[in-house]
């Protein structure tokens, strides 16, 4: 069973900040962010980046591209 979501949640947080669900267009930026944020070293953890990109860009039975949220 493929999980799909059709509605993007968008909330204006003020000061130019918007909370929204990700789209496939966010894959590279989110992968870079997560690889730095979740690294145990000073350099990015490239495995985390590859995993993040794959969750957004490739079909997955339990994860949809808009299951991440970003501000």
PDB file of N, CA and C in Angstrom:
ATOM      1  N   UNK A   1       0.833  -1.177   0.000  1.00  0.00           N
ATOM      2  CA  UNK A   1       0.000   0.000   0.000  1.00  0.00           C
ATOM      3  C   UNK A   1       0.878   1.241   0.000  1.00  0.00           C
ATOM      4  N   UNK A   2       0.696   2.135  -0.960  1.00  0.00           N
ATOM      5  CA  UNK A   2       1.447   3.381  -1.058  1.00  0.00           C
ATOM      6  C   UNK A   2       0.727   4.478  -0.285  1.00  0.00           C
ATOM      7  N   UNK A   3       1.449   5.176   0.568  1.00  0.00           N
ATOM      8  CA  UNK A   3       0.872   6.284   1.311  1.00  0.00           C
ATOM      9  C   UNK A   3       0.914   7.520   0.421  1.00  0.00           C
ATOM     10  N   UNK A   4      -0.205   8.203   0.280  1.00  0.00           N
ATOM     11  CA  UNK A   4      -0.239   9.434  -0.501  1.00  0.00           C
ATOM     12  C   UNK A   4      -0.929  10.522   0.288  1.00  0.00           C
ATOM     13  N   UNK A   5      -0.478  11.716   0.109  1.00  0.00           N
ATOM     14  CA  UNK A   5      -1.074  12.881   0.743  1.00  0.00           C
ATOM     15  C   UNK A   5      -1.298  13.918  -0.340  1.00  0.00           C
ATOM     16  N   UNK A   6      -2.465  14.485  -0.389  1.00  0.00           N
ATOM     17  CA  UNK A   6      -2.753  15.465  -1.426  1.00  0.00           C
ATOM     18  C   UNK A   6      -2.722  16.891  -0.910  1.00  0.00           C
ATOM     19  N   UNK A   7      -2.978  17.112   0.352  1.00  0.00           N
ATOM     20  CA  UNK A   7      -3.049  18.472   0.876  1.00  0.00           C
ATOM     21  C   UNK A   7      -1.721  18.881   1.499  1.00  0.00           C
ATOM     22  N   UNK A   8      -1.204  20.049   1.071  1.00  0.00           N
ATOM     23  CA  UNK A   8      -0.032  20.618   1.720  1.00  0.00           C
ATOM     24  C   UNK A   8      -0.508  21.458   2.887  1.00  0.00           C
ATOM     25  N   UNK A   9       0.111  21.290   4.032  1.00  0.00           N
ATOM     26  CA  UNK A   9      -0.229  22.117   5.184  1.00  0.00           C
ATOM     27  C   UNK A   9       0.658  23.354   5.123  1.00  0.00           C
ATOM     28  N   UNK A  10       0.050  24.501   5.084  1.00  0.00           N
ATOM     29  CA  UNK A  10       0.802  25.754   5.061  1.00  0.00           C
ATOM     30  C   UNK A  10       0.283  26.626   6.193  1.00  0.00           C
ATOM     31  N   UNK A  11       1.207  27.128   7.000  1.00  0.00           N
ATOM     32  CA  UNK A  11       0.833  28.022   8.094  1.00  0.00           C
ATOM     33  C   UNK A  11       1.828  29.171   8.125  1.00  0.00           C
ATOM     34  N   UNK A  12       1.336  30.366   8.088  1.00  0.00           N
ATOM     35  CA  UNK A  12       2.181  31.547   8.196  1.00  0.00           C
ATOM     36  C   UNK A  12       2.567  31.702   9.661  1.00  0.00           C
ATOM     37  N   UNK A  13       3.865  31.671   9.951  1.00  0.00           N
ATOM     38  CA  UNK A  13       4.359  31.779  11.315  1.00  0.00           C
ATOM     39  C   UNK A  13       4.754  33.209  11.673  1.00  0.00           C
ATOM     40  N   UNK A  14       4.632  34.099  10.700  1.00  0.00           N
ATOM     41  CA  UNK A  14       5.021  35.486  10.921  1.00  0.00           C
ATOM     42  C   UNK A  14       6.483  35.721  10.591  1.00  0.00           C
ATOM     43  N   UNK A  15       6.856  36.964  10.484  1.00  0.00           N
ATOM     44  CA  UNK A  15       8.236  37.367  10.190  1.00  0.00           C
ATOM     45  C   UNK A  15       8.797  36.695   8.938  1.00  0.00           C
ATOM     46  N   UNK A  16       7.943  36.429   7.951  1.00  0.00           N
ATOM     47  CA  UNK A  16       8.395  35.829   6.699  1.00  0.00           C
ATOM     48  C   UNK A  16       8.596  34.319   6.752  1.00  0.00           C
ATOM     49  N   UNK A  17       8.224  33.684   7.852  1.00  0.00           N
ATOM     50  CA  UNK A  17       8.388  32.238   8.004  1.00  0.00           C
ATOM     51  C   UNK A  17       7.079  31.524   7.686  1.00  0.00           C
ATOM     52  N   UNK A  18       7.178  30.449   6.905  1.00  0.00           N
ATOM     53  CA  UNK A  18       6.004  29.658   6.524  1.00  0.00           C
ATOM     54  C   UNK A  18       6.307  28.187   6.793  1.00  0.00           C
ATOM     55  N   UNK A  19       5.443  27.527   7.531  1.00  0.00           N
ATOM     56  CA  UNK A  19       5.541  26.089   7.776  1.00  0.00           C
ATOM     57  C   UNK A  19       4.786  25.389   6.654  1.00  0.00           C
ATOM     58  N   UNK A  20       5.463  24.448   5.981  1.00  0.00           N
ATOM     59  CA  UNK A  20       4.811  23.734   4.878  1.00  0.00           C
ATOM     60  C   UNK A  20       5.372  22.332   4.761  1.00  0.00           C
ATOM     61  N   UNK A  21       4.651  21.513   4.029  1.00  0.00           N
ATOM     62  CA  UNK A  21       5.125  20.167   3.728  1.00  0.00           C
ATOM     63  C   UNK A  21       6.088  20.234   2.553  1.00  0.00           C
ATOM     64  N   UNK A  22       7.004  19.294   2.497  1.00  0.00           N
ATOM     65  CA  UNK A  22       7.984  19.281   1.417  1.00  0.00           C
ATOM     66  C   UNK A  22       7.375  18.774   0.116  1.00  0.00           C
ATOM     67  N   UNK A  23       8.084  19.075  -0.960  1.00  0.00           N
ATOM     68  CA  UNK A  23       7.755  18.572  -2.285  1.00  0.00           C
ATOM     69  C   UNK A  23       9.022  17.942  -2.851  1.00  0.00           C
ATOM     70  N   UNK A  24       8.945  17.201  -3.931  1.00  0.00           N
ATOM     71  CA  UNK A  24      10.159  16.643  -4.528  1.00  0.00           C
ATOM     72  C   UNK A  24      11.212  17.704  -4.865  1.00  0.00           C
ATOM     73  N   UNK A  25      10.784  18.927  -5.112  1.00  0.00           N
ATOM     74  CA  UNK A  25      11.734  20.007  -5.408  1.00  0.00           C
ATOM     75  C   UNK A  25      12.626  20.348  -4.208  1.00  0.00           C
ATOM     76  N   UNK A  26      12.230  19.953  -3.007  1.00  0.00           N
ATOM     77  CA  UNK A  26      13.002  20.227  -1.791  1.00  0.00           C
ATOM     78  C   UNK A  26      14.058  19.159  -1.504  1.00  0.00           C
ATOM     79  N   UNK A  27      14.121  18.117  -2.301  1.00  0.00           N
ATOM     80  CA  UNK A  27      14.961  16.953  -1.991  1.00  0.00           C
ATOM     81  C   UNK A  27      16.423  17.317  -1.756  1.00  0.00           C
ATOM     82  N   UNK A  28      17.034  18.068  -2.655  1.00  0.00           N
ATOM     83  CA  UNK A  28      18.462  18.373  -2.515  1.00  0.00           C
ATOM     84  C   UNK A  28      18.751  19.251  -1.300  1.00  0.00           C
ATOM     85  N   UNK A  29      17.960  20.298  -1.117  1.00  0.00           N
ATOM     86  CA  UNK A  29      18.189  21.197   0.016  1.00  0.00           C
ATOM     87  C   UNK A  29      17.960  20.489   1.346  1.00  0.00           C
ATOM     88  N   UNK A  30      16.913  19.679   1.434  1.00  0.00           N
ATOM     89  CA  UNK A  30      16.638  18.966   2.676  1.00  0.00           C
ATOM     90  C   UNK A  30      17.687  17.893   2.943  1.00  0.00           C
ATOM     91  N   UNK A  31      18.152  17.234   1.899  1.00  0.00           N
ATOM     92  CA  UNK A  31      19.212  16.236   2.061  1.00  0.00           C
ATOM     93  C   UNK A  31      20.485  16.887   2.599  1.00  0.00           C
ATOM     94  N   UNK A  32      20.848  18.035   2.063  1.00  0.00           N
ATOM     95  CA  UNK A  32      22.038  18.751   2.542  1.00  0.00           C
ATOM     96  C   UNK A  32      21.861  19.185   3.996  1.00  0.00           C
ATOM     97  N   UNK A  33      20.686  19.718   4.320  1.00  0.00           N
ATOM     98  CA  UNK A  33      20.407  20.151   5.692  1.00  0.00           C
ATOM     99  C   UNK A  33      20.483  18.979   6.662  1.00  0.00           C
ATOM    100  N   UNK A  34      19.781  17.887   6.355  1.00  0.00           N
ATOM    101  CA  UNK A  34      19.765  16.732   7.257  1.00  0.00           C
ATOM    102  C   UNK A  34      21.138  16.100   7.402  1.00  0.00           C
ATOM    103  N   UNK A  35      21.926  16.071   6.327  1.00  0.00           N
ATOM    104  CA  UNK A  35      23.254  15.453   6.418  1.00  0.00           C
ATOM    105  C   UNK A  35      24.162  16.243   7.351  1.00  0.00           C
ATOM    106  N   UNK A  36      23.966  17.548   7.444  1.00  0.00           N
ATOM    107  CA  UNK A  36      24.743  18.364   8.386  1.00  0.00           C
ATOM    108  C   UNK A  36      24.170  18.271   9.799  1.00  0.00           C
ATOM    109  N   UNK A  37      22.872  18.381   9.915  1.00  0.00           N
ATOM    110  CA  UNK A  37      22.218  18.390  11.217  1.00  0.00           C
ATOM    111  C   UNK A  37      22.425  17.085  11.983  1.00  0.00           C
ATOM    112  N   UNK A  38      22.360  15.959  11.288  1.00  0.00           N
ATOM    113  CA  UNK A  38      22.411  14.653  11.953  1.00  0.00           C
ATOM    114  C   UNK A  38      23.791  14.003  11.905  1.00  0.00           C
ATOM    115  N   UNK A  39      24.806  14.753  11.533  1.00  0.00           N
ATOM    116  CA  UNK A  39      26.162  14.209  11.487  1.00  0.00           C
ATOM    117  C   UNK A  39      26.775  14.179  12.884  1.00  0.00           C
ATOM    118  N   UNK A  40      27.559  13.171  13.148  1.00  0.00           N
ATOM    119  CA  UNK A  40      28.284  13.066  14.412  1.00  0.00           C
ATOM    120  C   UNK A  40      29.668  13.708  14.317  1.00  0.00           C
ATOM    121  N   UNK A  41      30.004  14.193  13.117  1.00  0.00           N
ATOM    122  CA  UNK A  41      31.313  14.807  12.875  1.00  0.00           C
ATOM    123  C   UNK A  41      31.117  16.225  12.355  1.00  0.00           C
ATOM    124  N   UNK A  42      32.213  16.927  12.083  1.00  0.00           N
ATOM    125  CA  UNK A  42      32.110  18.279  11.526  1.00  0.00           C
ATOM    126  C   UNK A  42      31.622  18.257  10.086  1.00  0.00           C
ATOM    127  N   UNK A  43      32.007  17.251   9.338  1.00  0.00           N
ATOM    128  CA  UNK A  43      31.574  17.167   7.941  1.00  0.00           C
ATOM    129  C   UNK A  43      30.200  16.499   7.863  1.00  0.00           C
ATOM    130  N   UNK A  44      29.445  16.800   6.811  1.00  0.00           N
ATOM    131  CA  UNK A  44      28.112  16.198   6.657  1.00  0.00           C
ATOM    132  C   UNK A  44      28.177  14.673   6.573  1.00  0.00           C
ATOM    133  N   UNK A  45      27.160  14.018   7.069  1.00  0.00           N
ATOM    134  CA  UNK A  45      27.032  12.571   6.951  1.00  0.00           C
ATOM    135  C   UNK A  45      26.292  12.289   5.648  1.00  0.00           C
ATOM    136  N   UNK A  46      27.029  11.942   4.611  1.00  0.00           N
ATOM    137  CA  UNK A  46      26.458  11.777   3.277  1.00  0.00           C
ATOM    138  C   UNK A  46      25.412  10.669   3.229  1.00  0.00           C
ATOM    139  N   UNK A  47      25.528   9.681   4.091  1.00  0.00           N
ATOM    140  CA  UNK A  47      24.523   8.602   4.118  1.00  0.00           C
ATOM    141  C   UNK A  47      23.142   9.139   4.480  1.00  0.00           C
ATOM    142  N   UNK A  48      23.104  10.069   5.428  1.00  0.00           N
ATOM    143  CA  UNK A  48      21.833  10.690   5.818  1.00  0.00           C
ATOM    144  C   UNK A  48      21.250  11.474   4.648  1.00  0.00           C
ATOM    145  N   UNK A  49      22.099  12.173   3.911  1.00  0.00           N
ATOM    146  CA  UNK A  49      21.639  12.926   2.748  1.00  0.00           C
ATOM    147  C   UNK A  49      21.058  12.030   1.672  1.00  0.00           C
ATOM    148  N   UNK A  50      21.730  10.928   1.396  1.00  0.00           N
ATOM    149  CA  UNK A  50      21.240   9.978   0.387  1.00  0.00           C
ATOM    150  C   UNK A  50      19.904   9.395   0.828  1.00  0.00           C
ATOM    151  N   UNK A  51      19.797   9.046   2.088  1.00  0.00           N
ATOM    152  CA  UNK A  51      18.562   8.467   2.630  1.00  0.00           C
ATOM    153  C   UNK A  51      17.411   9.478   2.547  1.00  0.00           C
ATOM    154  N   UNK A  52      17.666  10.721   2.947  1.00  0.00           N
ATOM    155  CA  UNK A  52      16.642  11.761   2.879  1.00  0.00           C
ATOM    156  C   UNK A  52      16.175  11.972   1.446  1.00  0.00           C
ATOM    157  N   UNK A  53      17.121  12.104   0.526  1.00  0.00           N
ATOM    158  CA  UNK A  53      16.783  12.327  -0.883  1.00  0.00           C
ATOM    159  C   UNK A  53      15.945  11.167  -1.425  1.00  0.00           C
ATOM    160  N   UNK A  54      16.316   9.959  -1.064  1.00  0.00           N
ATOM    161  CA  UNK A  54      15.587   8.781  -1.543  1.00  0.00           C
ATOM    162  C   UNK A  54      14.149   8.761  -1.008  1.00  0.00           C
ATOM    163  N   UNK A  55      13.951   9.166   0.246  1.00  0.00           N
ATOM    164  CA  UNK A  55      12.599   9.185   0.811  1.00  0.00           C
ATOM    165  C   UNK A  55      11.690  10.162   0.066  1.00  0.00           C
ATOM    166  N   UNK A  56      12.249  11.272  -0.393  1.00  0.00           N
ATOM    167  CA  UNK A  56      11.444  12.267  -1.094  1.00  0.00           C
ATOM    168  C   UNK A  56      11.304  11.933  -2.575  1.00  0.00           C
ATOM    169  N   UNK A  57      12.374  11.505  -3.205  1.00  0.00           N
ATOM    170  CA  UNK A  57      12.396  11.400  -4.669  1.00  0.00           C
ATOM    171  C   UNK A  57      11.950  10.050  -5.227  1.00  0.00           C
ATOM    172  N   UNK A  58      12.020   9.007  -4.424  1.00  0.00           N
ATOM    173  CA  UNK A  58      11.673   7.677  -4.928  1.00  0.00           C
ATOM    174  C   UNK A  58      10.382   7.182  -4.285  1.00  0.00           C
ATOM    175  N   UNK A  59       9.595   6.428  -5.021  1.00  0.00           N
ATOM    176  CA  UNK A  59       8.394   5.849  -4.414  1.00  0.00           C
ATOM    177  C   UNK A  59       8.755   4.950  -3.229  1.00  0.00           C
ATOM    178  N   UNK A  60       8.034   5.096  -2.156  1.00  0.00           N
ATOM    179  CA  UNK A  60       8.265   4.308  -0.946  1.00  0.00           C
ATOM    180  C   UNK A  60       6.904   3.871  -0.413  1.00  0.00           C
ATOM    181  N   UNK A  61       6.759   2.649   0.050  1.00  0.00           N
ATOM    182  CA  UNK A  61       5.445   2.160   0.462  1.00  0.00           C
ATOM    183  C   UNK A  61       4.888   2.821   1.723  1.00  0.00           C
ATOM    184  N   UNK A  62       5.741   3.407   2.566  1.00  0.00           N
ATOM    185  CA  UNK A  62       5.233   3.981   3.818  1.00  0.00           C
ATOM    186  C   UNK A  62       5.593   5.448   4.006  1.00  0.00           C
ATOM    187  N   UNK A  63       6.129   6.088   2.985  1.00  0.00           N
ATOM    188  CA  UNK A  63       6.574   7.489   3.112  1.00  0.00           C
ATOM    189  C   UNK A  63       6.264   8.222   1.827  1.00  0.00           C
ATOM    190  N   UNK A  64       5.675   9.398   1.935  1.00  0.00           N
ATOM    191  CA  UNK A  64       5.354  10.215   0.766  1.00  0.00           C
ATOM    192  C   UNK A  64       6.290  11.437   0.738  1.00  0.00           C
ATOM    193  N   UNK A  65       6.507  12.038  -0.440  1.00  0.00           N
ATOM    194  CA  UNK A  65       7.392  13.195  -0.534  1.00  0.00           C
ATOM    195  C   UNK A  65       7.000  14.349   0.380  1.00  0.00           C
ATOM    196  N   UNK A  66       5.746  14.458   0.739  1.00  0.00           N
ATOM    197  CA  UNK A  66       5.335  15.575   1.604  1.00  0.00           C
ATOM    198  C   UNK A  66       5.205  15.177   3.070  1.00  0.00           C
ATOM    199  N   UNK A  67       5.869  14.115   3.488  1.00  0.00           N
ATOM    200  CA  UNK A  67       5.844  13.715   4.890  1.00  0.00           C
ATOM    201  C   UNK A  67       6.835  14.486   5.760  1.00  0.00           C
ATOM    202  N   UNK A  68       7.779  15.208   5.151  1.00  0.00           N
ATOM    203  CA  UNK A  68       8.651  16.114   5.903  1.00  0.00           C
ATOM    204  C   UNK A  68       7.948  17.469   5.995  1.00  0.00           C
ATOM    205  N   UNK A  69       8.260  18.234   7.032  1.00  0.00           N
ATOM    206  CA  UNK A  69       7.806  19.617   7.076  1.00  0.00           C
ATOM    207  C   UNK A  69       9.052  20.507   7.155  1.00  0.00           C
ATOM    208  N   UNK A  70       8.943  21.685   6.591  1.00  0.00           N
ATOM    209  CA  UNK A  70      10.046  22.649   6.597  1.00  0.00           C
ATOM    210  C   UNK A  70       9.492  24.034   6.909  1.00  0.00           C
ATOM    211  N   UNK A  71      10.367  24.882   7.382  1.00  0.00           N
ATOM    212  CA  UNK A  71      10.033  26.301   7.596  1.00  0.00           C
ATOM    213  C   UNK A  71      10.917  27.099   6.676  1.00  0.00           C
TER     214      UNK A  71
END
